[in-house]
Amino acid sequence: MADLGHDPGTLGVWAARTAGAVAGAGVSLVYLLPKSGHEAASRFLTGVACGMIFGGPAGLWLMARLGISGELPEPETLLAGSAAASLSAWWVLGALSRLAERYGRRRE
């Protein structure tokens, strides 16, 4: 299993994490165009933040699900995980928002 580097200050780890997060956020904007500049900025920043935070675990999960754990270099695992987490962040938040709206209403 990949350990994604023991030193969190490694430049390659941060570069892969940042590149994946930015790429995933960019693809999410292109895939479904935002209605306004405000929406574009909030979607992009949400994607980048989620990619930076959840990139490592997402990369390890993806590699395990695909059955290729340990076959890719650690930066590539982190890059793929960051991109996947960033790309899916807005979709997951949208689904949670709709669920909260539907089931979170007070009954009178």
Protein backbone atom coordinates (compact mmCIF):
# COMPACT_ATOMS: atom_id res chain seq x y z
CA MET A 1 0.00 0.00 0.00
CA ALA A 2 1.29 3.45 -0.87
CA ASP A 3 2.13 5.68 2.06
CA LEU A 4 2.03 8.92 0.00
CA GLY A 5 5.22 10.14 1.60
CA HIS A 6 6.05 10.44 5.26
CA ASP A 7 7.23 14.02 4.96
CA PRO A 8 4.20 16.28 4.42
CA GLY A 9 6.52 19.06 3.33
CA THR A 10 7.71 17.21 0.23
CA LEU A 11 7.33 19.46 -2.81
CA GLY A 12 6.26 16.59 -5.10
CA VAL A 13 3.42 15.62 -2.76
CA TRP A 14 2.09 19.17 -2.58
CA ALA A 15 2.50 19.69 -6.31
CA ALA A 16 0.57 16.50 -7.13
CA ARG A 17 -2.12 17.32 -4.60
CA THR A 18 -2.53 20.89 -5.91
CA ALA A 19 -2.44 19.92 -9.58
CA GLY A 20 -5.07 17.22 -9.06
CA ALA A 21 -7.33 19.49 -7.04
CA VAL A 22 -7.15 22.33 -9.58
CA ALA A 23 -7.66 19.97 -12.53
CA GLY A 24 -10.69 18.32 -10.93
CA ALA A 25 -12.22 21.68 -10.05
CA GLY A 26 -11.64 22.94 -13.58
CA VAL A 27 -13.25 19.89 -15.15
CA SER A 28 -16.26 20.25 -12.87
CA LEU A 29 -16.74 23.83 -14.11
CA VAL A 30 -16.51 22.77 -17.75
CA TYR A 31 -18.75 19.74 -17.29
CA LEU A 32 -21.63 21.82 -15.92
CA LEU A 33 -21.26 25.52 -16.66
CA PRO A 34 -21.94 27.83 -13.70
CA LYS A 35 -24.75 30.38 -13.88
CA SER A 36 -22.72 33.25 -12.45
CA GLY A 37 -19.22 34.30 -11.53
CA HIS A 38 -20.06 33.85 -7.85
CA GLU A 39 -21.18 30.27 -8.46
CA ALA A 40 -18.05 29.57 -10.51
CA ALA A 41 -15.78 30.89 -7.77
CA SER A 42 -17.55 28.99 -4.99
CA ARG A 43 -17.55 25.75 -7.01
CA PHE A 44 -13.88 26.12 -7.89
CA LEU A 45 -12.79 26.90 -4.33
CA THR A 46 -14.93 24.09 -2.92
CA GLY A 47 -13.40 21.66 -5.40
CA VAL A 48 -9.85 22.73 -4.69
CA ALA A 49 -10.36 22.55 -0.92
CA CYS A 50 -11.92 19.08 -1.08
CA GLY A 51 -9.21 17.87 -3.45
CA MET A 52 -6.47 19.11 -1.12
CA ILE A 53 -8.10 17.62 1.98
CA PHE A 54 -9.41 14.30 0.67
CA GLY A 55 -6.92 13.62 -2.16
CA GLY A 56 -4.80 11.09 -0.27
CA PRO A 57 -7.61 8.88 1.03
CA ALA A 58 -9.48 9.13 -2.28
CA GLY A 59 -6.38 8.09 -4.21
CA LEU A 60 -5.78 5.08 -1.98
CA TRP A 61 -9.45 4.08 -2.22
CA LEU A 62 -9.42 4.40 -6.02
CA MET A 63 -6.28 2.31 -6.38
CA ALA A 64 -7.72 -0.39 -4.09
CA ARG A 65 -11.03 -0.45 -6.00
CA LEU A 66 -9.23 -0.68 -9.33
CA GLY A 67 -6.93 -3.41 -8.02
CA ILE A 68 -3.74 -1.51 -8.81
CA SER A 69 -2.54 -0.61 -5.32
CA GLY A 70 1.20 -0.15 -5.24
CA GLU A 71 1.55 -0.22 -9.04
CA LEU A 72 1.52 3.55 -9.54
CA PRO A 73 4.03 5.98 -8.06
CA GLU A 74 2.80 7.82 -4.97
CA PRO A 75 2.48 11.24 -6.68
CA GLU A 76 0.26 9.73 -9.38
CA THR A 77 -1.95 8.11 -6.75
CA LEU A 78 -2.26 11.46 -4.98
CA LEU A 79 -2.88 13.31 -8.25
CA ALA A 80 -5.69 10.93 -9.23
CA GLY A 81 -7.25 11.04 -5.77
CA SER A 82 -7.15 14.82 -5.57
CA ALA A 83 -8.70 15.17 -9.01
CA ALA A 84 -11.45 12.66 -8.19
CA ALA A 85 -12.24 14.26 -4.83
CA SER A 86 -12.24 17.74 -6.37
CA LEU A 87 -14.41 16.71 -9.32
CA SER A 88 -17.00 14.98 -7.17
CA ALA A 89 -17.12 17.54 -4.35
CA TRP A 90 -19.75 19.81 -5.88
CA TRP A 91 -21.93 16.89 -6.95
CA VAL A 92 -21.89 15.37 -3.46
CA LEU A 93 -22.62 18.71 -1.81
CA GLY A 94 -25.51 19.29 -4.24
CA ALA A 95 -27.02 15.89 -3.44
CA LEU A 96 -26.69 16.49 0.30
CA SER A 97 -28.28 19.91 -0.09
CA ARG A 98 -31.28 18.42 -1.91
CA LEU A 99 -31.65 15.71 0.72
CA ALA A 100 -31.51 18.28 3.52
CA GLU A 101 -34.08 20.42 1.74
CA ARG A 102 -36.42 17.50 1.23
CA TYR A 103 -36.17 15.83 4.64
CA GLY A 104 -35.16 18.81 6.76
CA ARG A 105 -38.47 20.63 6.59
CA ARG A 106 -40.47 21.07 9.76
CA ARG A 107 -43.84 19.47 9.91
CA GLU A 108 -46.56 21.66 11.30
